[in-house]
N, C-alpha and C. Protein backbone atom coordinates (compact mmCIF):
# COMPACT_ATOMS: atom_id res chain seq x y z
N MET A 1 -20.08 38.95 23.17
CA MET A 1 -20.14 38.20 24.52
C MET A 1 -20.57 36.92 24.19
N GLU A 2 -19.92 35.69 24.50
CA GLU A 2 -20.69 34.04 24.63
C GLU A 2 -21.52 33.68 25.33
N GLU A 3 -22.47 33.01 25.38
CA GLU A 3 -23.87 33.08 26.31
C GLU A 3 -23.24 32.43 27.88
N LEU A 4 -23.95 33.09 28.49
CA LEU A 4 -23.39 32.84 29.91
C LEU A 4 -23.51 31.63 30.33
N ILE A 5 -22.91 30.91 31.17
CA ILE A 5 -22.42 29.42 30.86
C ILE A 5 -23.74 29.33 32.38
N THR A 6 -24.13 27.73 32.40
CA THR A 6 -25.23 27.68 33.04
C THR A 6 -24.50 26.55 34.37
N ASP A 7 -25.77 26.57 35.48
CA ASP A 7 -25.05 26.54 36.77
C ASP A 7 -25.04 25.04 36.55
N ASP A 8 -23.44 24.73 36.54
CA ASP A 8 -22.99 23.04 35.65
C ASP A 8 -22.23 22.49 37.20
N ASP A 9 -22.81 21.97 38.44
CA ASP A 9 -21.73 20.82 38.91
C ASP A 9 -20.31 20.89 38.58
N ASP A 10 -20.40 19.42 37.26
CA ASP A 10 -19.19 19.19 36.60
C ASP A 10 -18.14 20.11 36.21
N PHE A 11 -18.48 21.40 35.78
CA PHE A 11 -17.69 22.29 35.18
C PHE A 11 -17.27 23.06 36.03
N LEU A 12 -17.78 23.54 37.28
CA LEU A 12 -17.71 23.69 38.73
C LEU A 12 -15.76 22.84 39.42
N CYS A 13 -16.32 21.81 39.35
CA CYS A 13 -15.82 20.70 39.61
C CYS A 13 -14.94 21.10 39.29
N SER A 14 -14.69 20.40 37.57
CA SER A 14 -13.42 21.03 36.88
C SER A 14 -12.17 21.96 37.23
N ILE A 15 -12.74 22.94 37.23
CA ILE A 15 -12.22 24.46 37.36
C ILE A 15 -11.82 24.06 39.16
N ALA A 16 -12.25 23.49 40.07
CA ALA A 16 -12.06 23.31 41.38
C ALA A 16 -10.62 22.15 41.86
N MET A 17 -10.53 21.38 40.20
CA MET A 17 -9.58 20.69 40.29
C MET A 17 -8.44 20.84 39.60
N GLY A 18 -8.46 22.43 38.95
CA GLY A 18 -7.53 22.62 38.62
C GLY A 18 -7.65 23.05 37.30
N ASN A 19 -8.41 22.51 36.44
CA ASN A 19 -8.68 22.39 34.64
C ASN A 19 -8.38 24.14 34.43
N GLU A 20 -7.15 24.28 33.93
CA GLU A 20 -7.31 25.59 33.22
C GLU A 20 -8.05 25.86 32.13
N GLN A 21 -8.12 24.77 31.23
CA GLN A 21 -9.18 24.78 29.83
C GLN A 21 -10.69 25.43 30.51
N ALA A 22 -11.00 25.15 31.56
CA ALA A 22 -12.22 25.61 32.06
C ALA A 22 -12.55 26.93 32.96
N PHE A 23 -11.02 27.19 33.25
CA PHE A 23 -10.95 28.33 33.92
C PHE A 23 -10.89 29.63 32.91
N GLY A 24 -10.78 29.15 31.80
CA GLY A 24 -10.59 30.76 30.71
C GLY A 24 -11.53 30.54 30.13
N LYS A 25 -12.43 29.45 29.77
CA LYS A 25 -13.69 29.64 29.75
C LYS A 25 -14.37 30.52 30.15
N LEU A 26 -14.19 30.11 32.11
CA LEU A 26 -15.35 31.01 32.56
C LEU A 26 -14.82 32.46 32.62
N PHE A 27 -13.65 32.73 32.64
CA PHE A 27 -12.91 34.15 31.95
C PHE A 27 -14.01 34.75 30.84
N ASN A 28 -13.38 34.12 30.15
CA ASN A 28 -13.54 34.58 28.76
C ASN A 28 -15.50 34.84 28.90
N THR A 29 -15.89 33.85 29.65
CA THR A 29 -17.26 34.50 29.72
C THR A 29 -18.51 35.75 30.55
N TYR A 30 -17.47 35.43 31.26
CA TYR A 30 -17.24 36.44 32.56
C TYR A 30 -17.08 37.88 32.37
N LYS A 31 -16.00 37.91 31.82
CA LYS A 31 -15.07 38.92 31.99
C LYS A 31 -15.53 40.16 31.47
N HIS A 32 -16.33 40.55 30.82
CA HIS A 32 -17.59 41.80 30.58
C HIS A 32 -18.24 42.13 31.37
N LYS A 33 -19.13 41.14 31.92
CA LYS A 33 -19.69 41.19 33.22
C LYS A 33 -19.10 42.11 34.27
N VAL A 34 -18.05 40.89 34.40
CA VAL A 34 -17.58 41.50 35.66
C VAL A 34 -16.83 43.16 35.74
N TYR A 35 -16.23 43.17 34.36
CA TYR A 35 -15.85 44.72 33.98
C TYR A 35 -16.99 45.91 33.92
N ALA A 36 -18.27 45.60 33.48
CA ALA A 36 -19.31 46.05 33.45
C ALA A 36 -19.44 46.92 34.73
N THR A 37 -20.22 45.73 35.86
CA THR A 37 -20.12 45.83 37.21
C THR A 37 -19.20 46.95 37.59
N ALA A 38 -17.99 46.42 37.56
CA ALA A 38 -17.00 47.31 38.38
C ALA A 38 -16.68 48.48 37.88
N LEU A 39 -17.22 48.97 36.69
CA LEU A 39 -16.81 50.09 36.22
C LEU A 39 -17.98 51.28 36.50
N PHE A 40 -19.20 50.28 36.88
CA PHE A 40 -20.35 50.84 37.57
C PHE A 40 -20.24 51.26 38.83
N PHE A 41 -19.63 50.93 39.81
CA PHE A 41 -19.11 51.20 41.07
C PHE A 41 -18.11 52.31 40.92
N THR A 42 -17.05 52.00 39.94
CA THR A 42 -15.25 52.94 40.17
C THR A 42 -15.90 53.79 39.52
N LYS A 43 -16.34 53.86 38.45
CA LYS A 43 -16.68 54.74 37.06
C LYS A 43 -15.28 55.12 36.84
N ASN A 44 -14.25 54.50 36.97
CA ASN A 44 -12.96 54.41 36.40
C ASN A 44 -12.52 52.67 35.65
N GLU A 45 -11.88 53.25 34.38
CA GLU A 45 -11.81 52.14 33.75
C GLU A 45 -10.57 51.26 33.97
N THR A 46 -9.47 52.37 34.03
CA THR A 46 -8.49 51.49 34.99
C THR A 46 -8.16 50.62 36.28
N GLU A 47 -9.24 51.20 37.24
CA GLU A 47 -9.64 50.84 38.30
C GLU A 47 -10.56 49.43 37.47
N ALA A 48 -11.44 49.39 36.85
CA ALA A 48 -12.54 48.61 36.86
C ALA A 48 -11.78 47.53 35.93
N GLU A 49 -10.38 47.59 35.02
CA GLU A 49 -9.75 46.39 34.27
C GLU A 49 -8.71 46.10 36.17
N GLU A 50 -8.20 46.36 36.66
CA GLU A 50 -7.54 45.59 37.74
C GLU A 50 -8.74 45.21 38.58
N ILE A 51 -9.77 45.14 38.63
CA ILE A 51 -10.50 44.58 39.65
C ILE A 51 -11.33 43.08 38.44
N VAL A 52 -11.09 43.58 37.54
CA VAL A 52 -11.41 41.86 36.80
C VAL A 52 -9.91 40.83 36.94
N GLN A 53 -8.91 41.38 36.64
CA GLN A 53 -8.23 40.67 37.21
C GLN A 53 -8.01 40.24 38.60
N ASP A 54 -8.37 41.20 39.11
CA ASP A 54 -8.05 40.79 40.72
C ASP A 54 -9.78 39.57 40.98
N VAL A 55 -10.22 39.76 40.58
CA VAL A 55 -12.00 39.03 40.73
C VAL A 55 -11.93 37.45 40.29
N PHE A 56 -10.76 37.24 38.99
CA PHE A 56 -10.64 36.58 38.53
C PHE A 56 -9.23 35.41 39.16
N SER A 57 -8.50 36.22 40.23
CA SER A 57 -7.31 36.03 40.09
C SER A 57 -7.89 34.90 41.84
N ARG A 58 -8.58 35.70 42.71
CA ARG A 58 -8.94 35.36 43.77
C ARG A 58 -10.20 33.86 43.43
N ILE A 59 -10.74 34.36 42.32
CA ILE A 59 -11.38 32.75 42.05
C ILE A 59 -10.96 31.83 41.50
N TRP A 60 -9.51 31.66 41.15
CA TRP A 60 -8.88 30.74 40.92
C TRP A 60 -7.56 30.14 42.28
N LYS A 61 -7.21 31.10 42.54
CA LYS A 61 -7.04 30.80 44.28
C LYS A 61 -7.63 30.22 45.19
N TYR A 62 -9.29 30.31 45.26
CA TYR A 62 -10.26 29.90 46.27
C TYR A 62 -10.80 29.14 45.42
N ARG A 63 -10.56 28.56 43.96
CA ARG A 63 -11.47 27.28 43.44
C ARG A 63 -11.98 25.79 43.86
N ARG A 64 -11.24 25.94 45.22
CA ARG A 64 -12.04 24.40 46.09
C ARG A 64 -13.19 25.02 46.51
N LYS A 65 -13.61 25.84 46.49
CA LYS A 65 -14.81 26.49 46.96
C LYS A 65 -16.07 26.41 45.57
N LEU A 66 -15.56 26.40 44.73
CA LEU A 66 -16.29 26.78 43.78
C LEU A 66 -17.64 25.89 43.80
N PRO A 67 -17.40 24.47 43.87
CA PRO A 67 -18.61 23.08 43.99
C PRO A 67 -19.90 23.83 45.07
N GLN A 68 -19.33 24.64 45.57
CA GLN A 68 -20.45 25.26 46.71
C GLN A 68 -21.36 26.44 46.10
N VAL A 69 -20.86 27.20 44.57
CA VAL A 69 -21.56 28.20 44.45
C VAL A 69 -22.78 27.34 43.55
N LYS A 70 -24.14 28.08 44.56
CA LYS A 70 -25.33 27.54 43.56
C LYS A 70 -25.82 28.36 42.13
N ASN A 71 -25.75 30.06 42.03
CA ASN A 71 -25.91 30.77 40.99
C ASN A 71 -24.15 31.35 40.41
N LEU A 72 -24.00 30.80 39.63
CA LEU A 72 -22.40 31.67 39.48
C LEU A 72 -22.66 32.21 39.02
N SER A 73 -23.62 33.15 37.86
CA SER A 73 -23.44 34.49 37.31
C SER A 73 -24.20 35.55 38.65
N ALA A 74 -24.72 35.45 39.56
CA ALA A 74 -24.98 36.01 40.88
C ALA A 74 -23.93 36.15 41.90
N TRP A 75 -23.29 35.20 41.71
CA TRP A 75 -22.36 34.82 42.54
C TRP A 75 -20.81 35.89 42.25
N ILE A 76 -20.69 35.84 40.98
CA ILE A 76 -19.61 36.34 40.07
C ILE A 76 -19.61 37.82 40.37
N VAL A 77 -21.04 38.10 40.40
CA VAL A 77 -21.68 39.52 39.96
C VAL A 77 -21.39 40.06 41.94
N THR A 78 -21.88 39.54 42.74
CA THR A 78 -21.96 39.61 44.00
C THR A 78 -20.42 39.61 44.57
N VAL A 79 -19.24 39.09 44.09
CA VAL A 79 -17.71 39.33 44.69
C VAL A 79 -17.72 40.51 43.71
N THR A 80 -17.68 40.47 42.54
CA THR A 80 -17.58 41.96 41.90
C THR A 80 -17.74 42.99 42.40
N ARG A 81 -18.91 43.11 43.00
CA ARG A 81 -19.40 44.38 43.75
C ARG A 81 -18.57 44.23 45.32
N HIS A 82 -18.50 43.65 45.98
CA HIS A 82 -17.44 43.24 47.28
C HIS A 82 -15.93 43.74 46.72
N ARG A 83 -14.96 43.31 45.99
CA ARG A 83 -14.21 44.04 45.18
C ARG A 83 -14.29 45.64 45.15
N SER A 84 -14.86 45.90 44.41
CA SER A 84 -15.29 47.20 43.57
C SER A 84 -15.67 48.57 45.20
N LEU A 85 -16.55 47.95 45.93
CA LEU A 85 -16.42 48.66 47.12
C LEU A 85 -15.06 48.77 48.07
N THR A 86 -14.34 47.48 47.91
CA THR A 86 -13.05 47.36 48.83
C THR A 86 -12.24 48.09 48.22
N VAL A 87 -12.18 48.56 47.05
CA VAL A 87 -11.07 49.64 46.09
C VAL A 87 -11.84 50.79 46.24
N LEU A 88 -12.87 51.18 46.42
CA LEU A 88 -13.56 52.54 47.13
C LEU A 88 -13.12 53.03 48.36
N LYS A 89 -13.25 52.14 49.26
CA LYS A 89 -12.66 52.41 50.51
C LYS A 89 -11.14 52.77 50.45
N LYS A 90 -10.42 51.90 49.86
CA LYS A 90 -8.97 51.79 49.94
C LYS A 90 -8.86 53.49 49.33
N ILE A 91 -9.57 53.45 48.17
CA ILE A 91 -8.84 54.90 47.67
C ILE A 91 -9.86 56.20 48.62
N ALA A 92 -10.45 55.91 49.17
CA ALA A 92 -11.42 57.07 50.42
C ALA A 92 -10.25 57.08 51.31
N ILE A 93 -9.60 56.25 52.10
CA ILE A 93 -8.69 56.60 52.95
C ILE A 93 -7.70 56.99 52.51
N GLU A 94 -6.95 56.63 51.42
CA GLU A 94 -5.80 57.25 50.96
C GLU A 94 -6.05 58.68 50.75
N TYR A 95 -7.11 59.00 50.00
CA TYR A 95 -7.21 60.77 49.76
C TYR A 95 -7.47 61.14 51.01
N THR A 96 -7.79 60.58 52.12
CA THR A 96 -8.22 61.08 53.38
C THR A 96 -6.58 61.04 54.07
N LYS A 97 -5.88 60.17 53.99
CA LYS A 97 -4.26 60.51 54.39
C LYS A 97 -3.52 61.70 53.85
N ARG A 98 -3.68 61.64 52.10
CA ARG A 98 -3.03 62.87 51.70
C ARG A 98 -3.19 63.70 52.03
N GLN A 99 -4.82 64.15 51.95
CA GLN A 99 -5.50 65.36 53.00
C GLN A 99 -4.76 66.12 54.31
N THR A 100 -4.74 65.12 54.95
CA THR A 100 -4.19 64.95 56.27
C THR A 100 -2.88 65.85 55.96
N ILE A 101 -2.13 64.68 55.20
CA ILE A 101 -0.56 64.74 55.36
C ILE A 101 -0.22 66.48 54.77
N ALA A 102 -0.93 66.51 53.56
CA ALA A 102 -1.39 67.90 52.88
C ALA A 102 -1.41 69.53 53.44
N TYR A 103 -2.28 68.92 54.34
CA TYR A 103 -3.14 70.06 55.44
C TYR A 103 -3.15 69.58 56.56
N PRO A 104 -2.55 69.67 57.34
CA PRO A 104 -2.24 69.48 58.85
C PRO A 104 -3.55 69.94 59.46
N ALA A 105 -4.24 68.82 60.44
CA ALA A 105 -5.42 69.50 60.92
C ALA A 105 -5.48 69.23 62.85
N ASP A 106 -5.85 69.71 63.33
CA ASP A 106 -6.18 69.21 64.53
C ASP A 106 -7.61 67.84 64.32
N SER A 107 -7.25 67.36 66.09
CA SER A 107 -8.36 65.88 65.91
C SER A 107 -9.86 66.25 65.37
N THR A 108 -10.17 67.35 65.55
CA THR A 108 -11.56 67.76 65.16
C THR A 108 -11.56 67.69 63.63
N SER A 109 -10.66 68.18 62.86
CA SER A 109 -10.72 68.49 61.57
C SER A 109 -10.43 66.85 60.59
N LEU A 110 -10.17 65.89 61.66
CA LEU A 110 -9.64 64.60 60.49
C LEU A 110 -10.76 64.00 61.08
N ILE A 111 -11.56 64.14 62.21
CA ILE A 111 -12.65 63.39 62.45
C ILE A 111 -14.00 63.69 61.60
N ASP A 112 -13.99 65.35 60.90
CA ASP A 112 -14.98 65.94 60.15
C ASP A 112 -14.55 65.35 58.70
N ALA A 113 -13.36 65.17 58.54
CA ALA A 113 -12.61 64.22 56.95
C ALA A 113 -13.02 63.31 57.14
N GLU A 114 -12.94 62.39 57.95
CA GLU A 114 -13.71 61.23 57.84
C GLU A 114 -15.00 60.62 57.69
N SER A 115 -15.89 61.52 58.35
CA SER A 115 -16.97 61.54 58.19
C SER A 115 -17.41 62.20 56.96
N THR A 116 -16.86 62.75 56.41
CA THR A 116 -17.65 63.30 54.79
C THR A 116 -16.96 62.32 54.17
N VAL A 117 -15.69 61.34 54.31
CA VAL A 117 -15.42 60.31 53.23
C VAL A 117 -16.97 59.44 53.52
N MET A 118 -17.39 58.83 55.24
CA MET A 118 -17.83 58.21 55.74
C MET A 118 -19.13 58.10 54.64
N GLN A 119 -19.79 59.46 54.48
CA GLN A 119 -20.95 59.77 54.10
C GLN A 119 -20.75 60.01 52.21
N LYS A 120 -19.38 59.34 51.58
CA LYS A 120 -19.62 59.67 50.31
C LYS A 120 -19.65 58.44 49.94
N ASP A 121 -19.35 57.38 50.91
CA ASP A 121 -19.35 56.47 50.53
C ASP A 121 -20.96 55.68 50.62
N LEU A 122 -21.36 55.82 51.85
CA LEU A 122 -22.73 55.64 52.37
C LEU A 122 -23.91 56.33 51.03
N HIS A 123 -23.43 57.44 50.57
CA HIS A 123 -24.15 57.83 49.05
C HIS A 123 -24.20 57.16 48.14
N LEU A 124 -22.31 56.37 47.28
CA LEU A 124 -22.87 55.68 46.79
C LEU A 124 -23.17 54.38 46.85
N LEU A 125 -23.15 53.95 48.02
CA LEU A 125 -23.86 52.50 48.04
C LEU A 125 -25.44 52.51 48.29
N LEU A 126 -25.86 54.01 48.77
CA LEU A 126 -27.36 54.07 48.58
C LEU A 126 -27.89 54.42 47.52
N GLN A 127 -27.00 55.01 46.25
CA GLN A 127 -27.57 54.92 44.97
C GLN A 127 -27.48 53.83 44.26
N SER A 128 -26.30 52.93 45.12
CA SER A 128 -26.64 51.72 44.02
C SER A 128 -27.63 50.78 44.14
N ALA A 129 -28.05 50.87 45.59
CA ALA A 129 -29.37 50.14 46.02
C ALA A 129 -30.36 50.46 45.54
N LEU A 130 -30.56 51.99 45.22
CA LEU A 130 -31.78 52.80 44.63
C LEU A 130 -31.67 52.25 43.08
N SER A 131 -30.99 52.07 42.35
CA SER A 131 -30.99 51.26 40.81
C SER A 131 -31.35 50.52 40.66
N CYS A 132 -31.52 49.30 42.01
CA CYS A 132 -32.26 47.94 41.81
C CYS A 132 -33.69 48.22 41.90
N LEU A 133 -34.40 49.29 42.10
CA LEU A 133 -35.95 49.56 42.46
C LEU A 133 -36.27 49.97 40.82
N THR A 134 -37.58 49.65 41.12
CA THR A 134 -38.32 50.66 39.92
C THR A 134 -38.66 51.84 40.16
N PRO A 135 -38.42 52.54 38.58
CA PRO A 135 -38.84 54.32 39.01
C PRO A 135 -40.11 54.37 39.90
N GLN A 136 -40.24 53.80 39.60
CA GLN A 136 -42.11 54.19 40.98
C GLN A 136 -41.63 54.29 42.37
N GLN A 137 -40.97 52.70 42.81
CA GLN A 137 -40.25 52.90 43.91
C GLN A 137 -39.46 53.59 44.24
N ARG A 138 -38.44 53.84 43.41
CA ARG A 138 -37.43 54.74 43.92
C ARG A 138 -37.61 56.17 44.16
N ARG A 139 -38.90 56.89 43.20
CA ARG A 139 -39.52 58.00 43.48
C ARG A 139 -40.16 58.00 45.06
N ILE A 140 -40.85 57.17 45.35
CA ILE A 140 -41.17 56.91 46.99
C ILE A 140 -40.39 57.65 47.79
N PHE A 141 -39.59 56.43 47.62
CA PHE A 141 -38.66 55.79 48.88
C PHE A 141 -37.65 57.23 48.48
N GLU A 142 -37.09 58.40 47.79
CA GLU A 142 -36.68 59.26 47.88
C GLU A 142 -37.26 60.46 48.55
N LEU A 143 -38.80 60.51 48.22
CA LEU A 143 -39.84 61.59 48.41
C LEU A 143 -39.80 61.52 50.32
N SER A 144 -39.76 60.24 50.77
CA SER A 144 -40.10 59.62 51.61
C SER A 144 -38.86 59.71 52.90
N ARG A 145 -38.00 58.82 52.47
CA ARG A 145 -36.75 59.06 53.06
C ARG A 145 -35.50 59.93 53.09
N LEU A 146 -35.43 60.35 51.86
CA LEU A 146 -34.47 61.16 51.54
C LEU A 146 -35.42 63.02 51.72
N GLU A 147 -36.34 63.51 51.43
CA GLU A 147 -37.13 64.15 51.47
C GLU A 147 -37.79 64.58 52.84
N GLY A 148 -38.14 63.59 53.51
CA GLY A 148 -38.40 63.58 54.35
C GLY A 148 -40.33 63.98 54.73
N LEU A 149 -40.73 63.33 53.52
CA LEU A 149 -42.52 63.72 53.16
C LEU A 149 -42.70 62.79 53.84
N ASP A 150 -44.30 62.74 54.71
CA ASP A 150 -45.47 61.94 54.95
C ASP A 150 -45.92 60.72 54.21
N ARG A 151 -46.43 59.92 54.76
CA ARG A 151 -47.28 59.13 53.52
C ARG A 151 -48.31 59.80 52.65
N LYS A 152 -49.06 60.39 53.08
CA LYS A 152 -50.22 61.38 52.59
C LYS A 152 -49.40 62.32 51.81
N THR A 153 -48.61 63.11 51.85
CA THR A 153 -47.92 64.23 50.68
C THR A 153 -46.95 63.34 49.74
N VAL A 154 -46.55 62.22 50.26
CA VAL A 154 -45.96 61.55 49.12
C VAL A 154 -47.49 60.98 47.97
N ALA A 155 -48.34 60.57 48.29
CA ALA A 155 -49.26 59.90 47.66
C ALA A 155 -49.82 61.07 46.85
N ALA A 156 -50.26 62.28 47.54
CA ALA A 156 -50.54 63.44 47.25
C ALA A 156 -49.88 63.94 45.84
N SER A 157 -48.53 64.00 45.86
CA SER A 157 -47.86 64.50 44.80
C SER A 157 -47.91 63.44 43.83
N LEU A 158 -47.92 62.47 43.81
CA LEU A 158 -47.61 61.39 43.02
C LEU A 158 -49.26 60.86 42.55
N GLY A 159 -50.15 61.26 42.82
CA GLY A 159 -51.43 60.79 42.21
C GLY A 159 -51.73 59.49 42.60
N LEU A 160 -51.28 59.45 43.34
CA LEU A 160 -51.26 57.76 44.34
C LEU A 160 -52.65 57.78 45.64
N SER A 161 -53.06 56.50 45.93
CA SER A 161 -53.90 56.48 46.95
C SER A 161 -52.41 56.24 48.32
N PRO A 162 -53.05 56.72 49.75
CA PRO A 162 -51.61 56.37 50.37
C PRO A 162 -51.58 54.63 50.73
N ALA A 163 -52.40 53.80 50.48
CA ALA A 163 -51.74 52.51 50.14
C ALA A 163 -51.18 51.73 49.43
N THR A 164 -51.11 52.67 48.34
CA THR A 164 -50.31 52.41 46.95
C THR A 164 -49.02 52.86 47.46
N VAL A 165 -48.94 53.96 47.74
CA VAL A 165 -47.42 54.22 48.36
C VAL A 165 -46.60 53.35 49.43
N SER A 166 -47.62 52.99 50.44
CA SER A 166 -47.17 52.03 51.34
C SER A 166 -46.98 50.74 50.72
N VAL A 167 -47.46 50.16 49.86
CA VAL A 167 -47.03 49.11 49.54
C VAL A 167 -45.66 49.01 48.71
N HIS A 168 -45.68 50.22 47.89
CA HIS A 168 -44.36 50.43 47.14
C HIS A 168 -43.16 50.89 47.99
N LEU A 169 -43.61 51.70 49.08
CA LEU A 169 -42.32 52.11 49.89
C LEU A 169 -41.70 49.83 50.64
N THR A 170 -42.57 49.64 51.00
CA THR A 170 -42.56 48.60 51.95
C THR A 170 -41.76 47.62 50.69
N ILE A 171 -42.17 47.76 49.80
CA ILE A 171 -41.30 46.67 48.92
C ILE A 171 -39.65 47.20 48.90
N ALA A 172 -39.83 48.77 48.45
CA ALA A 172 -38.46 49.33 48.10
C ALA A 172 -37.57 48.99 49.58
N LEU A 173 -38.47 49.18 50.84
CA LEU A 173 -37.34 49.09 51.73
C LEU A 173 -36.74 47.77 51.96
N LYS A 174 -37.72 47.03 51.42
CA LYS A 174 -37.00 45.97 51.67
C LYS A 174 -35.71 45.44 50.57
N ARG A 175 -36.09 45.59 49.75
CA ARG A 175 -35.01 45.10 48.78
C ARG A 175 -33.55 46.16 49.20
N VAL A 176 -33.84 47.50 49.49
CA VAL A 176 -32.77 48.43 49.95
C VAL A 176 -31.84 47.68 50.99
N ARG A 177 -32.72 47.12 51.94
CA ARG A 177 -32.45 46.25 53.17
C ARG A 177 -31.14 45.63 53.14
N THR A 178 -31.82 44.56 51.57
CA THR A 178 -31.00 43.17 51.71
C THR A 178 -30.18 43.70 50.66
N PHE A 179 -30.10 44.59 49.91
CA PHE A 179 -28.79 45.09 49.00
C PHE A 179 -27.78 45.68 50.19
N LEU A 180 -28.21 46.34 50.99
CA LEU A 180 -27.26 46.99 52.76
C LEU A 180 -26.30 45.71 53.13
N TYR A 181 -27.90 44.67 53.49
CA TYR A 181 -26.94 43.40 54.26
C TYR A 181 -25.65 42.69 53.27
N ASP A 182 -26.16 42.82 52.32
CA ASP A 182 -24.67 42.36 51.22
C ASP A 182 -23.93 42.63 51.64
N TYR A 183 -23.81 43.86 51.78
CA TYR A 183 -22.14 44.26 52.22
C TYR A 183 -21.83 44.21 53.54
N ASN A 184 -22.84 44.51 54.78
CA ASN A 184 -22.73 44.20 55.55
C ASN A 184 -22.07 45.82 56.05
N TYR A 185 -22.55 46.47 55.25
CA TYR A 185 -21.83 48.18 55.51
C TYR A 185 -22.64 49.69 56.12
N GLU A 186 -21.76 50.09 57.20
CA GLU A 186 -22.07 50.61 57.91
C GLU A 186 -24.02 51.20 58.28
N LEU A 187 -24.71 49.86 58.66
CA LEU A 187 -25.99 50.01 58.57
C LEU A 187 -26.64 51.23 59.44
N PHE A 188 -25.90 50.91 60.52
CA PHE A 188 -26.47 51.80 61.48
C PHE A 188 -26.55 53.28 61.14
N PHE A 189 -25.72 53.89 60.34
CA PHE A 189 -25.51 55.24 59.82
C PHE A 189 -26.67 55.14 58.64
N LEU A 190 -27.51 54.11 58.07
CA LEU A 190 -28.17 54.01 56.68
C LEU A 190 -29.99 53.98 57.87
N PHE A 191 -29.75 53.58 59.25
CA PHE A 191 -31.01 53.09 59.76
C PHE A 191 -31.80 53.88 59.57
N PHE A 192 -31.78 55.60 60.27
CA PHE A 192 -33.00 56.51 59.78
C PHE A 192 -34.01 56.42 58.46
N PHE A 193 -32.98 55.87 57.55
CA PHE A 193 -33.21 55.95 56.40
C PHE A 193 -34.15 54.72 55.95
N LEU A 194 -33.94 53.48 56.41
CA LEU A 194 -34.58 52.14 56.34
C LEU A 194 -35.98 52.26 57.69
N ALA A 195 -36.05 52.97 58.30
CA ALA A 195 -37.13 52.57 59.45
C ALA A 195 -38.83 52.72 58.88
N THR A 196 -39.42 51.27 59.18
CA THR A 196 -40.43 51.62 58.84
C THR A 196 -41.21 52.41 58.61
N PHE A 197 -42.33 52.53 57.60
CA PHE A 197 -43.15 53.69 57.45
C PHE A 197 -44.02 53.81 58.68
C-alpha cells in the first residue's frame, strides 16, 4: 500500500478543480483503508467493495468541498463509517420489511421487530465505540455500564482502587460519547449507559 498522503492544500485543490490524475492518486492511496473500514462494519466483502465505490464517487461528486478538509485520512475514515452505517441501516430496514411481508403481524409485533432491529444497530454501534478504548477502559466500561456493577465492586473485581476505576471510566465515557455523537445516532437509547459515575 502506498504511503498516506499528507494534508496538502494544493493536492486537495487540484482534485477540487477536477484533476483526475490527483483523484486517481487519492483513490489508490486510500482504497485499502476505506475497504478495511467498511469491512469492519459490514462484515461483508461485497458490501465493503460497494462502499469503496460509493465513498469515492461521493468524494468526486463533492470534490469542490475538499479544500475545507483539515485531516484527510481521518475525514475519509469518517465518511466511510457514515456510509457503512447507512448501508447497515438500509439492510436492517429491508430485512424488517421482508419479515413483515413473509409473516404478517399486528402493529404490536411490527413495533417489536423494529425495536429488535434498532437494538441490533445500537449494539453494533456500541461495540464499534468500545473498540476505540484500551482493554482496561473497555473492561471497566463493560462491568459498570453493561453489567451494572458499582464502582467499588468493579474496583475489587479488577484489583484496582475506586479512584483508578473512576478515572478510567470517565475517559471511557468521554471517548464513547464522542464516537456516538459523530454519528448522531439514537443517543437517547444509549443515555443510560453513558450517565456519569
